[in-house]
């Protein structure tokens, strides 16, 4: 039988198996390799050639292979955190929450930064090679292939602070971003501010758009007009807040208050205000978002919206471990409440 005929026969048998359960044997037959080769691919073994690995991985995803839970005796006591980057106090709060939750059940936390890996294949193989009880993802995007491969390798996973549109097949943990944006803006309105600027995060992120929508809703419900010059999309970093605030504070009619979509951007606003000789809060009120530890050390201390980052991470750890024990249902969506923390950067306008 030719390789092509063997693959077609394997696909037919695997297709029939899908009515029951696709097994390693089905995948091996479809790919024209041994079951041990399929196992090596699943476990991230480097002994398999790139061509064979790719063929097997495509079949694993296309045929919907799902390995039985990896959270069995003998699996290393690890939970993996996968970050886009680790250069942020925001990431440290997530790590603290995950470490505390994992320690309660005798597990350790392994960290992976995508900045250290050239591709999704690299971090997937890296995680699978060491074994893990589950994966917590904090990524800008998680495409269909990534999800299929995580499932085919039997790795329960959850996404913290989801960046894109809601996927009903993926377990997520986030916060009430719209409500946080609304409460921050309403606080400034209740102080008497009318020209209120908003600096959100990247426009392609769901949380950024939700915070901006909360701002818009608060302004509209108060009957206040929104000046397009006072709405900006930043990057959630200090530099993004600084650039947007410099532009707003240079306007002929500058804002009397700014809501920054992250505490780091609020730091940028404070620096822009200092350079333009604008006093906070006498000349400009400011509200951030996150309530990072550094928000109590700004001068003056920052009024901000508390996002329960550590609790989000610990919740995700619990959900992933539940999925690994088949106690949970993939596709759960949890949103934890945000809350306004009033300090000294917000005051009535002068």
Protein backbone atom coordinates (compact mmCIF):
# COMPACT_ATOMS: atom_id res chain seq x y z
CA UNK A 1 0.00 0.00 0.00
CA UNK A 2 1.36 3.43 -0.97
CA UNK A 3 1.92 6.08 1.74
CA UNK A 4 -0.97 8.10 0.33
CA UNK A 5 -3.33 5.11 0.43
CA UNK A 6 -2.17 4.29 3.95
CA UNK A 7 -2.94 7.86 5.09
CA UNK A 8 -6.39 7.76 3.47
CA UNK A 9 -7.12 4.45 5.17
CA UNK A 10 -5.92 5.87 8.45
CA UNK A 11 -8.10 8.94 8.07
CA UNK A 12 -11.12 6.79 7.36
CA UNK A 13 -10.50 4.67 10.43
CA UNK A 14 -9.77 7.73 12.55
CA UNK A 15 -12.96 9.34 11.28
CA UNK A 16 -14.89 6.32 12.43
CA UNK A 17 -13.02 6.51 15.72
CA UNK A 18 -14.18 10.09 16.19
CA UNK A 19 -17.67 8.76 16.80
CA UNK A 20 -16.08 7.09 19.80
CA UNK A 21 -12.68 8.46 20.77
CA UNK A 22 -9.67 9.26 18.60
CA UNK A 23 -6.67 7.34 19.92
CA UNK A 24 -2.93 7.44 19.39
CA UNK A 25 -3.31 4.35 17.21
CA UNK A 26 -5.74 6.22 14.92
CA UNK A 27 -3.33 9.13 14.59
CA UNK A 28 -0.37 6.82 13.98
CA UNK A 29 -2.21 4.97 11.20
CA UNK A 30 -3.32 8.21 9.54
CA UNK A 31 0.20 9.65 9.71
CA UNK A 32 1.94 6.45 8.64
CA UNK A 33 4.11 6.34 11.76
CA UNK A 34 4.32 4.22 14.88
CA UNK A 35 2.25 4.94 18.00
CA UNK A 36 5.50 5.63 19.87
CA UNK A 37 6.30 8.41 17.40
CA UNK A 38 2.92 10.01 18.08
CA UNK A 39 3.62 9.77 21.81
CA UNK A 40 6.96 11.49 21.32
CA UNK A 41 5.25 14.35 19.48
CA UNK A 42 2.66 14.68 22.26
CA UNK A 43 5.40 14.82 24.88
CA UNK A 44 7.58 17.34 23.02
CA UNK A 45 10.36 14.85 22.37
CA UNK A 46 13.03 16.36 20.09
CA UNK A 47 13.90 13.03 18.43
CA UNK A 48 11.09 13.36 15.85
CA UNK A 49 11.91 15.07 12.53
CA UNK A 50 10.28 18.43 11.81
CA UNK A 51 8.33 17.03 8.82
CA UNK A 52 6.91 14.11 10.79
CA UNK A 53 6.17 16.32 13.78
CA UNK A 54 4.19 18.74 11.64
CA UNK A 55 2.20 15.95 9.95
CA UNK A 56 1.29 14.39 13.30
CA UNK A 57 0.37 17.73 14.89
CA UNK A 58 -1.92 18.64 11.99
CA UNK A 59 -3.72 15.30 12.36
CA UNK A 60 -3.97 15.66 16.14
CA UNK A 61 -5.72 19.00 15.69
CA UNK A 62 -7.83 18.11 12.64
CA UNK A 63 -9.12 14.83 14.07
CA UNK A 64 -9.81 16.32 17.50
CA UNK A 65 -7.53 14.06 19.52
CA UNK A 66 -7.84 14.67 23.26
CA UNK A 67 -5.40 12.98 25.56
CA UNK A 68 -6.69 11.84 28.92
CA UNK A 69 -5.99 14.22 31.76
CA UNK A 70 -2.31 14.65 32.48
CA UNK A 71 -3.01 15.37 36.17
CA UNK A 72 -2.26 11.78 37.16
CA UNK A 73 0.17 10.36 39.68
CA UNK A 74 3.70 10.85 38.43
CA UNK A 75 3.02 14.13 36.64
CA UNK A 76 5.44 16.80 37.91
CA UNK A 77 3.79 19.03 40.54
CA UNK A 78 3.76 22.08 38.27
CA UNK A 79 1.37 24.71 36.97
CA UNK A 80 2.62 26.74 34.03
CA UNK A 81 2.15 30.49 33.56
CA UNK A 82 2.65 31.65 29.98
CA UNK A 83 3.20 35.41 29.60
CA UNK A 84 3.59 37.62 26.57
CA UNK A 85 6.19 39.52 28.61
CA UNK A 86 7.37 39.70 32.22
CA UNK A 87 8.54 43.32 32.35
CA UNK A 88 5.61 44.72 34.29
CA UNK A 89 4.44 45.10 37.91
CA UNK A 90 1.11 43.82 36.56
CA UNK A 91 2.74 40.47 35.77
CA UNK A 92 4.22 40.27 39.27
CA UNK A 93 0.77 40.56 40.86
CA UNK A 94 -0.47 37.71 38.65
CA UNK A 95 2.54 35.59 39.62
CA UNK A 96 2.00 36.22 43.35
CA UNK A 97 -1.62 35.08 43.12
CA UNK A 98 -0.77 31.96 41.15
CA UNK A 99 2.11 30.99 43.43
CA UNK A 100 -0.05 31.34 46.55
CA UNK A 101 -2.88 29.25 45.08
CA UNK A 102 -0.53 26.55 43.81
CA UNK A 103 1.33 26.35 47.13
CA UNK A 104 -1.92 25.60 48.95
CA UNK A 105 -2.20 22.31 47.04
CA UNK A 106 1.51 21.47 47.04
CA UNK A 107 2.34 22.63 43.52
CA UNK A 108 5.05 24.84 42.09
CA UNK A 109 4.70 27.45 39.35
CA UNK A 110 6.83 27.51 36.20
CA UNK A 111 7.09 30.73 34.18
CA UNK A 112 7.48 31.06 30.43
CA UNK A 113 7.83 34.35 28.57
CA UNK A 114 7.09 34.35 24.85
CA UNK A 115 9.82 36.94 24.41
CA UNK A 116 12.25 34.08 25.10
CA UNK A 117 10.71 31.79 22.48
CA UNK A 118 10.57 32.41 18.77
CA UNK A 119 7.26 30.69 18.14
CA UNK A 120 4.21 29.05 19.65
CA UNK A 121 5.74 25.69 18.77
CA UNK A 122 8.74 26.47 20.96
CA UNK A 123 6.82 27.21 24.16
CA UNK A 124 4.34 24.38 23.59
CA UNK A 125 7.15 21.86 23.21
CA UNK A 126 8.95 23.40 26.18
CA UNK A 127 5.90 23.05 28.44
CA UNK A 128 5.03 19.55 27.27
CA UNK A 129 8.59 18.28 27.67
CA UNK A 130 8.67 19.05 31.39
CA UNK A 131 5.08 17.98 32.13
CA UNK A 132 2.50 20.07 33.92
CA UNK A 133 -0.84 19.86 35.68
CA UNK A 134 -2.25 22.78 33.73
CA UNK A 135 -1.51 25.97 31.84
CA UNK A 136 -2.50 29.57 32.66
CA UNK A 137 -2.21 31.81 29.60
CA UNK A 138 -1.75 35.59 29.56
CA UNK A 139 -1.28 36.22 25.87
CA UNK A 140 -2.20 38.85 23.33
CA UNK A 141 -3.82 36.12 21.24
CA UNK A 142 -4.56 32.40 21.40
CA UNK A 143 -5.42 31.06 17.98
CA UNK A 144 -7.37 27.97 17.00
CA UNK A 145 -4.25 25.89 16.41
CA UNK A 146 -2.82 26.68 19.88
CA UNK A 147 -6.07 25.64 21.54
CA UNK A 148 -6.29 22.44 19.52
CA UNK A 149 -2.73 21.47 20.36
CA UNK A 150 -3.15 22.13 24.07
CA UNK A 151 -6.23 19.92 24.04
CA UNK A 152 -4.59 17.21 21.96
CA UNK A 153 -1.75 17.06 24.46
CA UNK A 154 -4.20 16.67 27.33
CA UNK A 155 -3.31 19.97 28.99
CA UNK A 156 -6.14 21.75 30.82
CA UNK A 157 -5.80 25.52 30.37
CA UNK A 158 -7.40 28.85 31.17
CA UNK A 159 -6.87 32.40 29.91
CA UNK A 160 -6.46 35.24 32.43
CA UNK A 161 -7.51 38.74 31.39
CA UNK A 162 -8.70 37.61 27.94
CA UNK A 163 -7.60 40.02 25.24
CA UNK A 164 -9.99 39.16 22.39
CA UNK A 165 -13.63 38.34 21.92
CA UNK A 166 -15.15 35.73 24.22
CA UNK A 167 -14.62 32.11 23.10
CA UNK A 168 -17.32 29.90 24.67
CA UNK A 169 -15.03 26.84 24.47
CA UNK A 170 -12.25 28.39 26.57
CA UNK A 171 -12.20 28.92 30.34
CA UNK A 172 -11.41 32.55 31.14
CA UNK A 173 -10.92 34.72 34.22
CA UNK A 174 -11.17 38.48 33.94
CA UNK A 175 -12.48 41.54 35.73
CA UNK A 176 -15.38 43.94 35.28
CA UNK A 177 -13.53 46.38 33.01
CA UNK A 178 -16.63 48.27 31.85
CA UNK A 179 -17.82 48.79 35.42
CA UNK A 180 -14.34 49.94 36.43
CA UNK A 181 -14.21 52.49 33.63
CA UNK A 182 -17.69 53.71 34.52
CA UNK A 183 -16.95 54.09 38.24
CA UNK A 184 -13.67 55.94 37.62
CA UNK A 185 -15.34 58.43 35.30
CA UNK A 186 -18.41 58.84 37.49
CA UNK A 187 -16.15 59.63 40.46
CA UNK A 188 -14.58 62.49 38.52
CA UNK A 189 -17.98 63.73 37.36
CA UNK A 190 -19.32 63.70 40.91
CA UNK A 191 -16.36 65.84 41.94
CA UNK A 192 -17.55 68.40 39.40
CA UNK A 193 -15.30 67.72 36.39
CA UNK A 194 -16.76 68.06 32.89
CA UNK A 195 -13.74 68.02 30.54
CA UNK A 196 -12.43 64.56 31.32
CA UNK A 197 -9.78 62.86 29.23
CA UNK A 198 -9.51 59.10 28.80
CA UNK A 199 -6.33 57.19 27.90
CA UNK A 200 -7.14 53.53 27.38
CA UNK A 201 -4.91 50.65 26.27
CA UNK A 202 -4.41 49.18 22.78
CA UNK A 203 -7.60 49.43 20.72
CA UNK A 204 -7.46 45.75 19.72
CA UNK A 205 -7.73 44.53 23.33
CA UNK A 206 -11.16 43.72 24.74
CA UNK A 207 -10.30 45.14 28.18
CA UNK A 208 -9.18 48.44 26.62
CA UNK A 209 -12.40 48.82 24.68
CA UNK A 210 -14.49 47.90 27.74
CA UNK A 211 -12.80 50.59 29.88
CA UNK A 212 -13.30 53.16 27.13
CA UNK A 213 -16.96 52.13 26.81
CA UNK A 214 -17.41 52.56 30.56
CA UNK A 215 -15.97 56.08 30.28
CA UNK A 216 -18.31 56.92 27.39
CA UNK A 217 -21.34 55.58 29.23
CA UNK A 218 -20.59 57.61 32.37
CA UNK A 219 -20.14 60.79 30.34
CA UNK A 220 -23.31 60.22 28.34
CA UNK A 221 -25.41 59.33 31.38
CA UNK A 222 -24.31 62.63 32.97
CA UNK A 223 -25.26 64.54 29.82
CA UNK A 224 -21.66 65.58 29.15
CA UNK A 225 -20.24 65.94 25.66
CA UNK A 226 -17.18 63.92 24.73
CA UNK A 227 -14.36 65.74 22.97
CA UNK A 228 -12.57 63.37 20.53
CA UNK A 229 -9.31 65.17 21.37
CA UNK A 230 -9.69 63.90 24.93
CA UNK A 231 -9.92 60.22 23.93
CA UNK A 232 -6.71 58.28 23.27
CA UNK A 233 -5.61 54.69 22.80
CA UNK A 234 -2.35 54.03 24.61
CA UNK A 235 -0.26 50.94 25.33
CA UNK A 236 -0.83 50.35 29.08
CA UNK A 237 2.79 51.46 29.67
CA UNK A 238 4.26 54.67 31.09
CA UNK A 239 5.31 55.98 27.69
CA UNK A 240 1.80 55.65 26.25
CA UNK A 241 0.29 57.63 29.12
CA UNK A 242 2.99 60.28 28.86
CA UNK A 243 2.53 60.89 25.13
CA UNK A 244 -1.27 61.04 25.30
CA UNK A 245 -1.23 63.34 28.35
CA UNK A 246 1.30 65.70 26.74
CA UNK A 247 -1.06 66.08 23.79
CA UNK A 248 -4.12 66.65 25.98
CA UNK A 249 -2.41 69.10 28.30
CA UNK A 250 -1.20 71.12 25.29
CA UNK A 251 -4.75 71.77 24.07
CA UNK A 252 -6.10 75.34 24.32
CA UNK A 253 -8.89 73.94 26.50
CA UNK A 254 -7.09 71.23 28.42
CA UNK A 255 -8.92 68.65 30.57
CA UNK A 256 -9.44 69.22 34.28
CA UNK A 257 -9.24 65.45 34.85
CA UNK A 258 -7.82 62.35 33.14
CA UNK A 259 -8.78 58.71 33.57
CA UNK A 260 -5.78 56.55 32.66
CA UNK A 261 -6.58 52.95 31.70
CA UNK A 262 -3.68 51.59 33.76
CA UNK A 263 -1.58 52.70 36.72
CA UNK A 264 1.54 52.67 34.54
CA UNK A 265 -0.11 55.09 32.12
CA UNK A 266 -1.11 57.21 35.12
CA UNK A 267 2.61 57.49 35.96
CA UNK A 268 3.15 58.87 32.47
CA UNK A 269 0.35 61.40 33.04
CA UNK A 270 2.00 62.56 36.29
CA UNK A 271 5.30 63.13 34.48
CA UNK A 272 3.59 65.02 31.64
CA UNK A 273 1.80 67.20 34.22
CA UNK A 274 5.09 67.91 36.00
CA UNK A 275 6.78 68.99 32.78
CA UNK A 276 3.87 71.27 31.89
CA UNK A 277 3.73 72.77 35.41
CA UNK A 278 0.25 71.32 35.98
CA UNK A 279 -0.36 70.51 39.63
CA UNK A 280 -2.12 67.27 40.64
CA UNK A 281 -4.82 67.44 41.93
CA UNK A 282 -5.09 71.26 42.11
CA UNK A 283 -5.03 71.75 38.33
CA UNK A 284 -5.63 68.18 37.16
CA UNK A 285 -7.35 65.22 38.80
CA UNK A 286 -6.15 61.74 37.87
CA UNK A 287 -7.53 58.21 38.22
CA UNK A 288 -5.63 55.05 37.24
CA UNK A 289 -6.60 51.42 36.82
CA UNK A 290 -5.15 48.24 38.45
CA UNK A 291 -4.19 49.38 41.98
CA UNK A 292 -0.64 48.11 41.68
CA UNK A 293 1.48 48.45 44.85
CA UNK A 294 3.30 51.41 43.30
CA UNK A 295 0.04 53.42 43.27
CA UNK A 296 0.44 54.14 46.98
CA UNK A 297 3.96 55.51 46.42
CA UNK A 298 3.24 58.10 43.75
CA UNK A 299 3.23 61.74 44.76
CA UNK A 300 0.46 62.29 45.59
CA UNK A 301 -0.86 58.72 46.12
CA UNK A 302 -2.94 57.59 43.15
CA UNK A 303 -6.72 57.28 43.07
CA UNK A 304 -7.31 54.14 41.01
CA UNK A 305 -9.64 51.28 40.15
CA UNK A 306 -8.60 48.08 41.88
CA UNK A 307 -8.39 45.12 39.52
CA UNK A 308 -8.04 41.95 41.65
CA UNK A 309 -5.05 40.59 39.74
CA UNK A 310 -3.84 38.13 42.37
CA UNK A 311 -7.38 36.79 42.87
CA UNK A 312 -7.78 36.41 39.11
CA UNK A 313 -4.65 34.27 38.97
CA UNK A 314 -5.60 32.13 41.97
CA UNK A 315 -9.08 31.59 40.54
CA UNK A 316 -7.56 30.47 37.24
CA UNK A 317 -5.30 27.98 39.03
CA UNK A 318 -8.31 26.47 40.79
CA UNK A 319 -10.30 26.21 37.57
CA UNK A 320 -7.44 24.57 35.68
CA UNK A 321 -6.81 22.02 38.42
CA UNK A 322 -10.55 21.27 38.42
CA UNK A 323 -10.44 20.70 34.67
CA UNK A 324 -7.50 18.37 35.12
CA UNK A 325 -9.54 16.32 37.61
CA UNK A 326 -12.57 16.48 35.29
CA UNK A 327 -14.46 18.35 38.02
CA UNK A 328 -14.92 21.45 35.89
CA UNK A 329 -16.42 22.28 32.53
CA UNK A 330 -14.23 23.88 29.88
CA UNK A 331 -15.69 27.16 28.70
CA UNK A 332 -16.44 28.76 32.07
CA UNK A 333 -16.18 32.55 32.18
CA UNK A 334 -15.49 34.27 35.50
CA UNK A 335 -15.43 38.03 36.02
CA UNK A 336 -14.22 39.38 39.36
CA UNK A 337 -15.42 42.75 40.58
CA UNK A 338 -13.37 45.93 40.31
CA UNK A 339 -13.62 48.69 42.94
CA UNK A 340 -12.69 52.35 43.18
CA UNK A 341 -9.86 53.22 45.60
CA UNK A 342 -9.89 56.96 46.38
CA UNK A 343 -6.56 58.50 47.36
CA UNK A 344 -5.11 61.96 46.75
CA UNK A 345 -4.90 62.53 42.98
CA UNK A 346 -8.59 63.35 42.57
CA UNK A 347 -10.30 66.48 43.89
CA UNK A 348 -12.97 69.01 42.83
CA UNK A 349 -11.87 71.30 39.96
CA UNK A 350 -10.57 74.78 40.76
